[in-house]
Amino acid sequence: MLISVRLDPEAERTLSQLARKTGKTKSELIRQAIRELGKSLGSTATGSTVYERFSDVIGIVNLGPGRRAARAEEILRKMLATKGGRR
């Protein structure tokens, strides 16, 4: 993908100096900088899956007895019956 970026004179000089020192192209340096910033900020672009990013919190919440979705109608009827009986 082709992207145009406007750099201030100082950033342009720094990029040119880094390219000469490292022997890499300016594009390579920019791609590397974006990857490193993405990693440091925990970006999804680092290749980790949604599961990997949330694996430490999966299963820590207990929502009560299982199959609540299958029993939703039954649970709702009980809730409404209890509220109706209070009046």
N, C-alpha and C. Protein backbone atom coordinates (compact mmCIF):
# COMPACT_ATOMS: atom_id res chain seq x y z
N MET A 1 0.85 -1.16 0.00
CA MET A 1 0.00 0.00 0.00
C MET A 1 0.90 1.23 0.00
N LEU A 2 0.56 2.17 -0.82
CA LEU A 2 1.33 3.40 -0.91
C LEU A 2 0.67 4.46 -0.04
N ILE A 3 1.46 5.06 0.85
CA ILE A 3 0.97 6.12 1.74
C ILE A 3 1.95 7.28 1.68
N SER A 4 1.43 8.47 1.61
CA SER A 4 2.28 9.67 1.65
C SER A 4 2.26 10.24 3.06
N VAL A 5 3.42 10.65 3.52
CA VAL A 5 3.54 11.22 4.86
C VAL A 5 4.32 12.52 4.76
N ARG A 6 3.83 13.54 5.43
CA ARG A 6 4.55 14.82 5.47
C ARG A 6 5.43 14.84 6.72
N LEU A 7 6.70 15.11 6.54
CA LEU A 7 7.64 15.18 7.66
C LEU A 7 8.15 16.60 7.81
N ASP A 8 8.35 17.00 9.05
CA ASP A 8 8.98 18.30 9.26
C ASP A 8 10.47 18.13 8.93
N PRO A 9 11.19 19.22 8.72
CA PRO A 9 12.61 19.12 8.32
C PRO A 9 13.46 18.28 9.26
N GLU A 10 13.23 18.41 10.56
CA GLU A 10 14.04 17.65 11.53
C GLU A 10 13.78 16.15 11.40
N ALA A 11 12.52 15.76 11.27
CA ALA A 11 12.19 14.34 11.12
C ALA A 11 12.76 13.80 9.81
N GLU A 12 12.73 14.60 8.77
CA GLU A 12 13.29 14.18 7.48
C GLU A 12 14.79 13.96 7.58
N ARG A 13 15.49 14.88 8.27
CA ARG A 13 16.94 14.72 8.45
C ARG A 13 17.25 13.47 9.26
N THR A 14 16.50 13.27 10.33
CA THR A 14 16.71 12.09 11.17
C THR A 14 16.49 10.82 10.39
N LEU A 15 15.43 10.77 9.61
CA LEU A 15 15.13 9.59 8.81
C LEU A 15 16.25 9.32 7.80
N SER A 16 16.73 10.36 7.15
CA SER A 16 17.82 10.21 6.17
C SER A 16 19.09 9.71 6.84
N GLN A 17 19.41 10.26 8.01
CA GLN A 17 20.61 9.84 8.74
C GLN A 17 20.50 8.37 9.17
N LEU A 18 19.33 8.00 9.66
CA LEU A 18 19.13 6.61 10.07
C LEU A 18 19.24 5.66 8.89
N ALA A 19 18.73 6.07 7.75
CA ALA A 19 18.82 5.23 6.55
C ALA A 19 20.28 5.03 6.15
N ARG A 20 21.06 6.10 6.20
CA ARG A 20 22.49 5.97 5.85
C ARG A 20 23.22 5.09 6.85
N LYS A 21 22.97 5.31 8.14
CA LYS A 21 23.68 4.56 9.19
C LYS A 21 23.34 3.07 9.17
N THR A 22 22.07 2.76 8.94
CA THR A 22 21.65 1.37 9.02
C THR A 22 21.70 0.63 7.69
N GLY A 23 21.78 1.38 6.60
CA GLY A 23 21.76 0.75 5.29
C GLY A 23 20.37 0.29 4.88
N LYS A 24 19.37 0.74 5.60
CA LYS A 24 17.99 0.37 5.28
C LYS A 24 17.34 1.51 4.51
N THR A 25 16.28 1.19 3.80
CA THR A 25 15.56 2.25 3.09
C THR A 25 14.70 3.03 4.09
N LYS A 26 14.30 4.19 3.69
CA LYS A 26 13.43 5.00 4.55
C LYS A 26 12.11 4.26 4.81
N SER A 27 11.61 3.61 3.79
CA SER A 27 10.36 2.84 3.95
C SER A 27 10.53 1.72 4.97
N GLU A 28 11.66 1.01 4.91
CA GLU A 28 11.91 -0.07 5.88
C GLU A 28 11.94 0.48 7.31
N LEU A 29 12.60 1.61 7.48
CA LEU A 29 12.68 2.22 8.81
C LEU A 29 11.31 2.64 9.33
N ILE A 30 10.50 3.20 8.45
CA ILE A 30 9.15 3.63 8.86
C ILE A 30 8.31 2.41 9.23
N ARG A 31 8.37 1.34 8.42
CA ARG A 31 7.62 0.13 8.74
C ARG A 31 8.06 -0.45 10.08
N GLN A 32 9.38 -0.47 10.31
CA GLN A 32 9.92 -0.99 11.57
C GLN A 32 9.42 -0.15 12.75
N ALA A 33 9.44 1.17 12.59
CA ALA A 33 8.99 2.06 13.67
C ALA A 33 7.51 1.83 13.98
N ILE A 34 6.70 1.63 12.95
CA ILE A 34 5.27 1.39 13.15
C ILE A 34 5.05 0.07 13.88
N ARG A 35 5.78 -0.99 13.47
CA ARG A 35 5.64 -2.29 14.14
C ARG A 35 6.03 -2.18 15.61
N GLU A 36 7.14 -1.51 15.89
CA GLU A 36 7.59 -1.40 17.28
C GLU A 36 6.62 -0.58 18.12
N LEU A 37 6.08 0.48 17.57
CA LEU A 37 5.09 1.28 18.30
C LEU A 37 3.84 0.45 18.55
N GLY A 38 3.43 -0.32 17.55
CA GLY A 38 2.27 -1.19 17.71
C GLY A 38 2.46 -2.19 18.83
N LYS A 39 3.64 -2.79 18.89
CA LYS A 39 3.94 -3.75 19.96
C LYS A 39 3.93 -3.09 21.32
N SER A 40 4.54 -1.92 21.42
CA SER A 40 4.62 -1.26 22.72
C SER A 40 3.26 -0.77 23.21
N LEU A 41 2.35 -0.51 22.29
CA LEU A 41 1.01 -0.05 22.68
C LEU A 41 0.00 -1.18 22.74
N GLY A 42 0.46 -2.40 22.46
CA GLY A 42 -0.43 -3.55 22.52
C GLY A 42 -1.41 -3.59 21.37
N SER A 43 -0.99 -3.16 20.23
CA SER A 43 -1.85 -3.12 19.05
C SER A 43 -2.25 -4.52 18.62
N THR A 44 -3.45 -4.62 18.01
CA THR A 44 -3.90 -5.89 17.46
C THR A 44 -3.09 -6.28 16.24
N ALA A 45 -2.36 -5.33 15.68
CA ALA A 45 -1.59 -5.61 14.47
C ALA A 45 -0.35 -6.44 14.77
N THR A 46 -0.11 -6.79 16.02
CA THR A 46 1.08 -7.56 16.36
C THR A 46 0.94 -9.03 16.02
N GLY A 47 -0.23 -9.43 15.53
CA GLY A 47 -0.43 -10.81 15.14
C GLY A 47 -1.10 -11.65 16.19
N SER A 48 -1.37 -11.11 17.37
CA SER A 48 -2.03 -11.90 18.38
C SER A 48 -3.52 -12.00 18.07
N THR A 49 -4.10 -13.12 18.44
CA THR A 49 -5.52 -13.33 18.20
C THR A 49 -6.32 -12.72 19.35
N VAL A 50 -7.61 -12.60 19.14
CA VAL A 50 -8.49 -12.09 20.19
C VAL A 50 -8.39 -13.00 21.41
N TYR A 51 -8.37 -14.31 21.18
CA TYR A 51 -8.25 -15.25 22.29
C TYR A 51 -6.97 -15.01 23.09
N GLU A 52 -5.84 -14.84 22.40
CA GLU A 52 -4.56 -14.63 23.08
C GLU A 52 -4.59 -13.35 23.92
N ARG A 53 -5.23 -12.30 23.41
CA ARG A 53 -5.27 -11.05 24.15
C ARG A 53 -6.17 -11.11 25.37
N PHE A 54 -7.19 -11.99 25.35
CA PHE A 54 -8.13 -12.06 26.47
C PHE A 54 -8.01 -13.35 27.28
N SER A 55 -7.03 -14.18 26.97
CA SER A 55 -6.92 -15.49 27.61
C SER A 55 -6.73 -15.39 29.13
N ASP A 56 -6.13 -14.33 29.60
CA ASP A 56 -5.91 -14.20 31.04
C ASP A 56 -7.18 -13.87 31.81
N VAL A 57 -8.24 -13.42 31.14
CA VAL A 57 -9.48 -13.09 31.83
C VAL A 57 -10.62 -14.04 31.49
N ILE A 58 -10.41 -14.92 30.53
CA ILE A 58 -11.46 -15.87 30.17
C ILE A 58 -11.70 -16.83 31.32
N GLY A 59 -12.95 -16.95 31.72
CA GLY A 59 -13.33 -17.89 32.76
C GLY A 59 -13.25 -17.37 34.18
N ILE A 60 -12.93 -16.10 34.38
CA ILE A 60 -12.83 -15.60 35.75
C ILE A 60 -14.17 -15.10 36.29
N VAL A 61 -15.18 -15.02 35.44
CA VAL A 61 -16.50 -14.55 35.88
C VAL A 61 -17.43 -15.74 35.98
N ASN A 62 -18.11 -15.86 37.10
CA ASN A 62 -19.07 -16.93 37.29
C ASN A 62 -20.46 -16.34 37.13
N LEU A 63 -21.17 -16.78 36.12
CA LEU A 63 -22.51 -16.26 35.86
C LEU A 63 -23.60 -17.15 36.45
N GLY A 64 -23.25 -18.00 37.36
CA GLY A 64 -24.24 -18.85 38.00
C GLY A 64 -24.41 -20.16 37.26
N PRO A 65 -25.55 -20.82 37.49
CA PRO A 65 -25.79 -22.12 36.85
C PRO A 65 -25.69 -22.02 35.34
N GLY A 66 -25.18 -23.05 34.74
CA GLY A 66 -25.00 -23.06 33.29
C GLY A 66 -26.32 -23.09 32.54
N ARG A 67 -26.23 -22.99 31.24
CA ARG A 67 -27.36 -23.07 30.34
C ARG A 67 -28.40 -21.98 30.59
N ARG A 68 -27.96 -20.80 31.02
CA ARG A 68 -28.92 -19.71 31.28
C ARG A 68 -29.64 -19.30 30.00
N ALA A 69 -28.96 -19.31 28.89
CA ALA A 69 -29.60 -18.90 27.64
C ALA A 69 -30.71 -19.88 27.28
N ALA A 70 -30.47 -21.17 27.49
CA ALA A 70 -31.48 -22.17 27.18
C ALA A 70 -32.66 -22.07 28.13
N ARG A 71 -32.40 -21.59 29.35
CA ARG A 71 -33.45 -21.48 30.36
C ARG A 71 -33.99 -20.06 30.48
N ALA A 72 -33.70 -19.20 29.53
CA ALA A 72 -34.06 -17.78 29.63
C ALA A 72 -35.55 -17.58 29.84
N GLU A 73 -36.37 -18.31 29.09
CA GLU A 73 -37.83 -18.15 29.22
C GLU A 73 -38.28 -18.53 30.62
N GLU A 74 -37.77 -19.65 31.12
CA GLU A 74 -38.13 -20.11 32.46
C GLU A 74 -37.72 -19.09 33.52
N ILE A 75 -36.51 -18.58 33.41
CA ILE A 75 -36.01 -17.59 34.37
C ILE A 75 -36.86 -16.32 34.32
N LEU A 76 -37.20 -15.86 33.12
CA LEU A 76 -38.00 -14.65 32.96
C LEU A 76 -39.40 -14.84 33.56
N ARG A 77 -40.01 -16.01 33.34
CA ARG A 77 -41.34 -16.28 33.90
C ARG A 77 -41.30 -16.23 35.44
N LYS A 78 -40.26 -16.82 36.02
CA LYS A 78 -40.13 -16.80 37.48
C LYS A 78 -39.95 -15.38 38.00
N MET A 79 -39.15 -14.58 37.30
CA MET A 79 -38.92 -13.20 37.72
C MET A 79 -40.22 -12.40 37.65
N LEU A 80 -40.96 -12.57 36.57
CA LEU A 80 -42.22 -11.83 36.41
C LEU A 80 -43.26 -12.29 37.41
N ALA A 81 -43.29 -13.59 37.68
CA ALA A 81 -44.25 -14.12 38.65
C ALA A 81 -43.95 -13.58 40.04
N THR A 82 -42.70 -13.48 40.39
CA THR A 82 -42.30 -12.97 41.70
C THR A 82 -42.66 -11.49 41.82
N LYS A 83 -42.41 -10.72 40.79
CA LYS A 83 -42.74 -9.30 40.82
C LYS A 83 -44.25 -9.09 40.86
N GLY A 84 -44.99 -9.91 40.14
CA GLY A 84 -46.45 -9.79 40.11
C GLY A 84 -47.06 -10.18 41.45
N GLY A 85 -46.44 -11.14 42.13
CA GLY A 85 -46.95 -11.60 43.43
C GLY A 85 -46.72 -10.60 44.54
N ARG A 86 -45.77 -9.69 44.37
CA ARG A 86 -45.45 -8.70 45.40
C ARG A 86 -46.48 -7.59 45.47
N ARG A 87 -47.17 -7.35 44.38
CA ARG A 87 -48.09 -6.20 44.32
C ARG A 87 -49.30 -6.42 45.11
